Amino acid sequence: MISANSIDSTALFKIGYGLYVLTSNDGSKDNGCIVNTVTQISNAPERISVSVSKLNYTHDIIRDTGICNVNCLTTEAPFSLFQDYGFRSGRDCDKFEGKELKRTPNGLVYLEENVNSVISLKVENYLDMDSHGLFVCRITESGVISQKESMTYAYYHANVKPKPQPKKVKGFVCKICGYVYEGEELPADFICPICKHPASDFEPLV
């Protein structure tokens, strides 16, 4: 049911997205971040739009330099890759420190593993979208790295992102009725409120 002036944000989760590492360079170090909003918007000439949160250091670098690389991730990309490029800020660290680097003709880093293609972009236009900046770019170079399946946002959540582990309750369970007492220690004079058995009939939860 669609109601007038009603917005269900979860409806947006049904839009299909890929996942990408967007690489850039601030003049002194390489940088990269995870994005999920890369779209081809024309084919004559071929143009790509990339939306980047203004909170990301990558946004500022691309605004200043006007170039970036899109690394299209495959379903083999491990969670550690998302930790590297998505859970740290390039303002505070060098995300490529200690890694062997390959570069495209525009001088920017590209990933050789866990990607199936790389697209080099030059910014033609910038649109301020409040929380994000939208870069409209033309393709300067592109190439296929492998034929492996592309990672989607839905695949990441279903198969890559670790599932929350249930909180382990500390306590004691009654061997007679199954009542659970939560706590570090069971009082010696405790009586089960269900079956009225004493503390000696309780055992630690495992």
C-alpha atoms as a PDB file:
ATOM      1  CA  MET A   1       0.000   0.000   0.000  1.00  0.00           C
ATOM      2  CA  ILE A   2       1.429   3.382  -1.062  1.00  0.00           C
ATOM      3  CA  SER A   3       0.118   6.305   0.979  1.00  0.00           C
ATOM      4  CA  ALA A   4       0.338   9.957  -0.033  1.00  0.00           C
ATOM      5  CA  ASN A   5       3.401  11.749   1.356  1.00  0.00           C
ATOM      6  CA  SER A   6       4.614   8.535   3.012  1.00  0.00           C
ATOM      7  CA  ILE A   7       8.217   7.383   2.530  1.00  0.00           C
ATOM      8  CA  ASP A   8       9.350   3.910   3.572  1.00  0.00           C
ATOM      9  CA  SER A   9      13.157   4.074   3.477  1.00  0.00           C
ATOM     10  CA  THR A  10      13.423   0.279   3.309  1.00  0.00           C
ATOM     11  CA  ALA A  11      11.965   0.452  -0.212  1.00  0.00           C
ATOM     12  CA  LEU A  12      15.350   1.836  -1.281  1.00  0.00           C
ATOM     13  CA  PHE A  13      16.988  -1.426  -0.194  1.00  0.00           C
ATOM     14  CA  LYS A  14      15.330  -3.106  -3.190  1.00  0.00           C
ATOM     15  CA  ILE A  15      17.321  -1.011  -5.678  1.00  0.00           C
ATOM     16  CA  GLY A  16      20.176  -3.068  -7.110  1.00  0.00           C
ATOM     17  CA  TYR A  17      23.689  -1.831  -6.311  1.00  0.00           C
ATOM     18  CA  GLY A  18      27.202  -3.020  -7.003  1.00  0.00           C
ATOM     19  CA  LEU A  19      30.171  -2.518  -4.719  1.00  0.00           C
ATOM     20  CA  TYR A  20      33.363  -0.758  -5.766  1.00  0.00           C
ATOM     21  CA  VAL A  21      36.664   0.539  -4.452  1.00  0.00           C
ATOM     22  CA  LEU A  22      37.077   4.132  -5.631  1.00  0.00           C
ATOM     23  CA  THR A  23      40.778   5.050  -5.753  1.00  0.00           C
ATOM     24  CA  SER A  24      42.362   8.494  -5.838  1.00  0.00           C
ATOM     25  CA  ASN A  25      45.568  10.331  -4.882  1.00  0.00           C
ATOM     26  CA  ASP A  26      45.881  13.552  -2.893  1.00  0.00           C
ATOM     27  CA  GLY A  27      49.334  14.380  -4.234  1.00  0.00           C
ATOM     28  CA  SER A  28      51.247  12.728  -1.431  1.00  0.00           C
ATOM     29  CA  LYS A  29      49.521   9.386  -0.908  1.00  0.00           C
ATOM     30  CA  ASP A  30      47.054   7.026  -2.536  1.00  0.00           C
ATOM     31  CA  ASN A  31      43.576   6.625  -1.109  1.00  0.00           C
ATOM     32  CA  GLY A  32      40.496   4.500  -1.627  1.00  0.00           C
ATOM     33  CA  CYS A  33      36.984   4.071  -0.290  1.00  0.00           C
ATOM     34  CA  ILE A  34      34.015   1.744  -0.746  1.00  0.00           C
ATOM     35  CA  VAL A  35      31.081   3.075  -2.777  1.00  0.00           C
ATOM     36  CA  ASN A  36      27.898   1.465  -4.071  1.00  0.00           C
ATOM     37  CA  THR A  37      26.600   4.194  -6.395  1.00  0.00           C
ATOM     38  CA  VAL A  38      28.389   3.879  -9.735  1.00  0.00           C
ATOM     39  CA  THR A  39      26.146   4.129 -12.803  1.00  0.00           C
ATOM     40  CA  GLN A  40      26.610   4.422 -16.553  1.00  0.00           C
ATOM     41  CA  ILE A  41      24.507   7.405 -17.619  1.00  0.00           C
ATOM     42  CA  SER A  42      25.349   7.703 -21.348  1.00  0.00           C
ATOM     43  CA  ASN A  43      27.150   5.788 -24.083  1.00  0.00           C
ATOM     44  CA  ALA A  44      27.909   8.439 -26.701  1.00  0.00           C
ATOM     45  CA  PRO A  45      30.229   9.452 -25.208  1.00  0.00           C
ATOM     46  CA  GLU A  46      30.447   6.930 -22.383  1.00  0.00           C
ATOM     47  CA  ARG A  47      29.849   8.651 -19.076  1.00  0.00           C
ATOM     48  CA  ILE A  48      29.710   7.354 -15.513  1.00  0.00           C
ATOM     49  CA  SER A  49      28.234   8.994 -12.441  1.00  0.00           C
ATOM     50  CA  VAL A  50      29.724   8.334  -9.014  1.00  0.00           C
ATOM     51  CA  SER A  51      28.104   9.502  -5.798  1.00  0.00           C
ATOM     52  CA  VAL A  52      30.424   9.922  -2.787  1.00  0.00           C
ATOM     53  CA  SER A  53      29.591  10.928   0.773  1.00  0.00           C
ATOM     54  CA  LYS A  54      31.033  14.313   1.698  1.00  0.00           C
ATOM     55  CA  LEU A  55      32.272  12.695   4.919  1.00  0.00           C
ATOM     56  CA  ASN A  56      34.722  10.600   2.883  1.00  0.00           C
ATOM     57  CA  TYR A  57      38.203  11.986   2.296  1.00  0.00           C
ATOM     58  CA  THR A  58      37.961  10.535  -1.226  1.00  0.00           C
ATOM     59  CA  HIS A  59      35.204  13.045  -2.010  1.00  0.00           C
ATOM     60  CA  ASP A  60      37.537  15.951  -1.275  1.00  0.00           C
ATOM     61  CA  ILE A  61      40.408  14.445  -3.264  1.00  0.00           C
ATOM     62  CA  ILE A  62      38.291  13.894  -6.375  1.00  0.00           C
ATOM     63  CA  ARG A  63      36.911  17.436  -6.155  1.00  0.00           C
ATOM     64  CA  ASP A  64      40.481  18.751  -6.065  1.00  0.00           C
ATOM     65  CA  THR A  65      42.069  16.466  -8.678  1.00  0.00           C
ATOM     66  CA  GLY A  66      39.179  15.660 -11.026  1.00  0.00           C
ATOM     67  CA  ILE A  67      40.198  12.006 -11.547  1.00  0.00           C
ATOM     68  CA  CYS A  68      39.495   8.615  -9.976  1.00  0.00           C
ATOM     69  CA  ASN A  69      39.457   4.884 -10.682  1.00  0.00           C
ATOM     70  CA  VAL A  70      36.491   2.561 -10.181  1.00  0.00           C
ATOM     71  CA  ASN A  71      37.518  -0.970  -9.174  1.00  0.00           C
ATOM     72  CA  CYS A  72      34.576  -3.350  -9.631  1.00  0.00           C
ATOM     73  CA  LEU A  73      34.598  -5.921  -6.833  1.00  0.00           C
ATOM     74  CA  THR A  74      33.838  -9.620  -7.305  1.00  0.00           C
ATOM     75  CA  THR A  75      31.997 -12.030  -5.028  1.00  0.00           C
ATOM     76  CA  GLU A  76      35.395 -13.351  -3.897  1.00  0.00           C
ATOM     77  CA  ALA A  77      36.259 -10.090  -2.104  1.00  0.00           C
ATOM     78  CA  PRO A  78      36.778 -10.875   1.609  1.00  0.00           C
ATOM     79  CA  PHE A  79      35.401  -8.858   4.507  1.00  0.00           C
ATOM     80  CA  SER A  80      38.951  -7.695   5.298  1.00  0.00           C
ATOM     81  CA  LEU A  81      38.925  -5.688   2.053  1.00  0.00           C
ATOM     82  CA  PHE A  82      35.862  -3.775   3.255  1.00  0.00           C
ATOM     83  CA  GLN A  83      37.587  -3.194   6.568  1.00  0.00           C
ATOM     84  CA  ASP A  84      40.640  -1.785   4.757  1.00  0.00           C
ATOM     85  CA  TYR A  85      38.817   0.628   2.480  1.00  0.00           C
ATOM     86  CA  GLY A  86      35.487   1.178   4.206  1.00  0.00           C
ATOM     87  CA  PHE A  87      36.096   1.267   7.957  1.00  0.00           C
ATOM     88  CA  ARG A  88      39.097   3.638   8.101  1.00  0.00           C
ATOM     89  CA  SER A  89      39.534   7.226   6.972  1.00  0.00           C
ATOM     90  CA  GLY A  90      42.278   8.203   4.549  1.00  0.00           C
ATOM     91  CA  ARG A  91      42.646  11.384   6.585  1.00  0.00           C
ATOM     92  CA  ASP A  92      44.124   9.306   9.396  1.00  0.00           C
ATOM     93  CA  CYS A  93      46.004   6.507   7.648  1.00  0.00           C
ATOM     94  CA  ASP A  94      47.635   5.321   4.421  1.00  0.00           C
ATOM     95  CA  LYS A  95      45.322   2.578   3.164  1.00  0.00           C
ATOM     96  CA  PHE A  96      47.910   1.330   0.676  1.00  0.00           C
ATOM     97  CA  GLU A  97      50.904   1.271   3.007  1.00  0.00           C
ATOM     98  CA  GLY A  98      53.028  -1.839   2.463  1.00  0.00           C
ATOM     99  CA  LYS A  99      51.091  -3.007  -0.606  1.00  0.00           C
ATOM    100  CA  GLU A 100      52.491  -3.590  -4.077  1.00  0.00           C
ATOM    101  CA  LEU A 101      50.828  -1.040  -6.318  1.00  0.00           C
ATOM    102  CA  LYS A 102      49.777  -1.138  -9.948  1.00  0.00           C
ATOM    103  CA  ARG A 103      48.731   2.052 -11.730  1.00  0.00           C
ATOM    104  CA  THR A 104      46.556   2.950 -14.686  1.00  0.00           C
ATOM    105  CA  PRO A 105      47.730   5.558 -17.260  1.00  0.00           C
ATOM    106  CA  ASN A 106      46.173   8.348 -15.171  1.00  0.00           C
ATOM    107  CA  GLY A 107      48.673   7.534 -12.405  1.00  0.00           C
ATOM    108  CA  LEU A 108      46.137   6.158  -9.934  1.00  0.00           C
ATOM    109  CA  VAL A 109      46.248   2.816  -8.157  1.00  0.00           C
ATOM    110  CA  TYR A 110      44.075  -0.086  -9.242  1.00  0.00           C
ATOM    111  CA  LEU A 111      43.447  -3.410  -7.525  1.00  0.00           C
ATOM    112  CA  GLU A 112      44.594  -6.616  -9.206  1.00  0.00           C
ATOM    113  CA  GLU A 113      42.790  -9.040  -6.879  1.00  0.00           C
ATOM    114  CA  ASN A 114      39.088  -9.409  -6.096  1.00  0.00           C
ATOM    115  CA  VAL A 115      38.064  -7.150  -9.008  1.00  0.00           C
ATOM    116  CA  ASN A 116      36.788  -7.950 -12.487  1.00  0.00           C
ATOM    117  CA  SER A 117      37.261  -4.574 -14.171  1.00  0.00           C
ATOM    118  CA  VAL A 118      38.809  -1.158 -13.703  1.00  0.00           C
ATOM    119  CA  ILE A 119      37.473   2.114 -15.120  1.00  0.00           C
ATOM    120  CA  SER A 120      39.471   5.355 -15.102  1.00  0.00           C
ATOM    121  CA  LEU A 121      37.387   8.515 -14.957  1.00  0.00           C
ATOM    122  CA  LYS A 122      37.837  12.248 -15.479  1.00  0.00           C
ATOM    123  CA  VAL A 123      35.278  14.533 -13.850  1.00  0.00           C
ATOM    124  CA  GLU A 124      33.249  16.681 -16.241  1.00  0.00           C
ATOM    125  CA  ASN A 125      30.655  18.021 -13.819  1.00  0.00           C
ATOM    126  CA  TYR A 126      29.897  18.094 -10.122  1.00  0.00           C
ATOM    127  CA  LEU A 127      26.476  18.274  -8.495  1.00  0.00           C
ATOM    128  CA  ASP A 128      26.025  19.098  -4.819  1.00  0.00           C
ATOM    129  CA  MET A 129      23.531  16.557  -3.477  1.00  0.00           C
ATOM    130  CA  ASP A 130      23.546  17.740   0.160  1.00  0.00           C
ATOM    131  CA  SER A 131      24.994  14.719   2.009  1.00  0.00           C
ATOM    132  CA  HIS A 132      26.819  13.506  -1.131  1.00  0.00           C
ATOM    133  CA  GLY A 133      28.635  14.888  -4.108  1.00  0.00           C
ATOM    134  CA  LEU A 134      27.712  13.517  -7.527  1.00  0.00           C
ATOM    135  CA  PHE A 135      30.591  13.351  -9.992  1.00  0.00           C
ATOM    136  CA  VAL A 136      29.643  13.115 -13.668  1.00  0.00           C
ATOM    137  CA  CYS A 137      32.665  11.649 -15.441  1.00  0.00           C
ATOM    138  CA  ARG A 138      33.861  10.513 -18.836  1.00  0.00           C
ATOM    139  CA  ILE A 139      35.809   7.300 -19.233  1.00  0.00           C
ATOM    140  CA  THR A 140      39.464   7.777 -20.151  1.00  0.00           C
ATOM    141  CA  GLU A 141      40.537   4.111 -19.935  1.00  0.00           C
ATOM    142  CA  SER A 142      38.918   0.832 -18.913  1.00  0.00           C
ATOM    143  CA  GLY A 143      39.827  -2.828 -18.878  1.00  0.00           C
ATOM    144  CA  VAL A 144      38.593  -6.262 -17.826  1.00  0.00           C
ATOM    145  CA  ILE A 145      40.647  -8.016 -15.146  1.00  0.00           C
ATOM    146  CA  SER A 146      38.640 -11.248 -14.828  1.00  0.00           C
ATOM    147  CA  GLN A 147      35.322 -12.838 -15.713  1.00  0.00           C
ATOM    148  CA  LYS A 148      34.319 -13.442 -12.109  1.00  0.00           C
ATOM    149  CA  GLU A 149      30.865 -12.382 -10.918  1.00  0.00           C
ATOM    150  CA  SER A 150      30.401  -8.846  -9.642  1.00  0.00           C
ATOM    151  CA  MET A 151      29.693  -8.236  -5.962  1.00  0.00           C
ATOM    152  CA  THR A 152      26.296  -6.723  -5.232  1.00  0.00           C
ATOM    153  CA  TYR A 153      25.259  -4.899  -2.097  1.00  0.00           C
ATOM    154  CA  ALA A 154      22.728  -7.657  -1.369  1.00  0.00           C
ATOM    155  CA  TYR A 155      25.395 -10.368  -1.798  1.00  0.00           C
ATOM    156  CA  TYR A 156      27.703  -8.517   0.596  1.00  0.00           C
ATOM    157  CA  HIS A 157      25.069  -8.401   3.323  1.00  0.00           C
ATOM    158  CA  ALA A 158      23.985 -12.012   2.787  1.00  0.00           C
ATOM    159  CA  ASN A 159      27.382 -13.682   2.379  1.00  0.00           C
ATOM    160  CA  VAL A 160      30.321 -11.425   3.307  1.00  0.00           C
ATOM    161  CA  LYS A 161      29.406  -9.141   6.201  1.00  0.00           C
ATOM    162  CA  PRO A 162      29.667 -11.070   9.493  1.00  0.00           C
ATOM    163  CA  LYS A 163      26.353 -11.751  11.176  1.00  0.00           C
ATOM    164  CA  PRO A 164      25.830 -10.287  14.657  1.00  0.00           C
ATOM    165  CA  GLN A 165      26.539 -12.891  17.298  1.00  0.00           C
ATOM    166  CA  PRO A 166      23.872 -13.360  19.972  1.00  0.00           C
ATOM    167  CA  LYS A 167      24.875 -11.959  23.334  1.00  0.00           C
ATOM    168  CA  LYS A 168      25.977 -14.764  25.596  1.00  0.00           C
ATOM    169  CA  VAL A 169      24.012 -14.686  28.840  1.00  0.00           C
ATOM    170  CA  LYS A 170      25.885 -15.478  32.026  1.00  0.00           C
ATOM    171  CA  GLY A 171      23.820 -17.371  34.555  1.00  0.00           C
ATOM    172  CA  PHE A 172      22.480 -20.673  35.819  1.00  0.00           C
ATOM    173  CA  VAL A 173      19.714 -22.982  34.597  1.00  0.00           C
ATOM    174  CA  CYS A 174      17.450 -25.112  36.721  1.00  0.00           C
ATOM    175  CA  LYS A 175      17.956 -28.799  35.886  1.00  0.00           C
ATOM    176  CA  ILE A 176      14.386 -29.531  36.913  1.00  0.00           C
ATOM    177  CA  CYS A 177      12.277 -27.004  34.979  1.00  0.00           C
ATOM    178  CA  GLY A 178      14.717 -25.033  32.810  1.00  0.00           C
ATOM    179  CA  TYR A 179      14.293 -21.672  34.535  1.00  0.00           C
ATOM    180  CA  VAL A 180      17.308 -19.398  33.872  1.00  0.00           C
ATOM    181  CA  TYR A 181      18.803 -17.170  36.549  1.00  0.00           C
ATOM    182  CA  GLU A 182      20.930 -14.430  34.966  1.00  0.00           C
ATOM    183  CA  GLY A 183      23.972 -13.297  36.898  1.00  0.00           C
ATOM    184  CA  GLU A 184      27.608 -13.968  37.707  1.00  0.00           C
ATOM    185  CA  GLU A 185      26.824 -15.916  40.889  1.00  0.00           C
ATOM    186  CA  LEU A 186      23.797 -17.859  42.072  1.00  0.00           C
ATOM    187  CA  PRO A 187      22.917 -17.076  45.716  1.00  0.00           C
ATOM    188  CA  ALA A 188      23.324 -20.137  47.901  1.00  0.00           C
ATOM    189  CA  ASP A 189      19.804 -19.720  49.305  1.00  0.00           C
ATOM    190  CA  PHE A 190      18.175 -19.191  45.896  1.00  0.00           C
ATOM    191  CA  ILE A 191      14.885 -21.014  45.321  1.00  0.00           C
ATOM    192  CA  CYS A 192      13.591 -21.573  41.783  1.00  0.00           C
ATOM    193  CA  PRO A 193      10.475 -19.389  41.341  1.00  0.00           C
ATOM    194  CA  ILE A 194       8.929 -21.991  39.007  1.00  0.00           C
ATOM    195  CA  CYS A 195       9.522 -25.429  40.536  1.00  0.00           C
ATOM    196  CA  LYS A 196      10.708 -24.312  44.002  1.00  0.00           C
ATOM    197  CA  HIS A 197      13.905 -26.402  43.872  1.00  0.00           C
ATOM    198  CA  PRO A 198      17.025 -25.115  45.644  1.00  0.00           C
ATOM    199  CA  ALA A 199      20.253 -23.706  44.240  1.00  0.00           C
ATOM    200  CA  SER A 200      21.827 -27.183  44.310  1.00  0.00           C
ATOM    201  CA  ASP A 201      19.579 -28.124  41.374  1.00  0.00           C
ATOM    202  CA  PHE A 202      21.013 -25.349  39.170  1.00  0.00           C
ATOM    203  CA  GLU A 203      23.990 -25.622  36.830  1.00  0.00           C
ATOM    204  CA  PRO A 204      25.972 -22.944  34.951  1.00  0.00           C
ATOM    205  CA  LEU A 205      24.818 -21.957  31.471  1.00  0.00           C
ATOM    206  CA  VAL A 206      27.187 -23.098  28.708  1.00  0.00           C
END
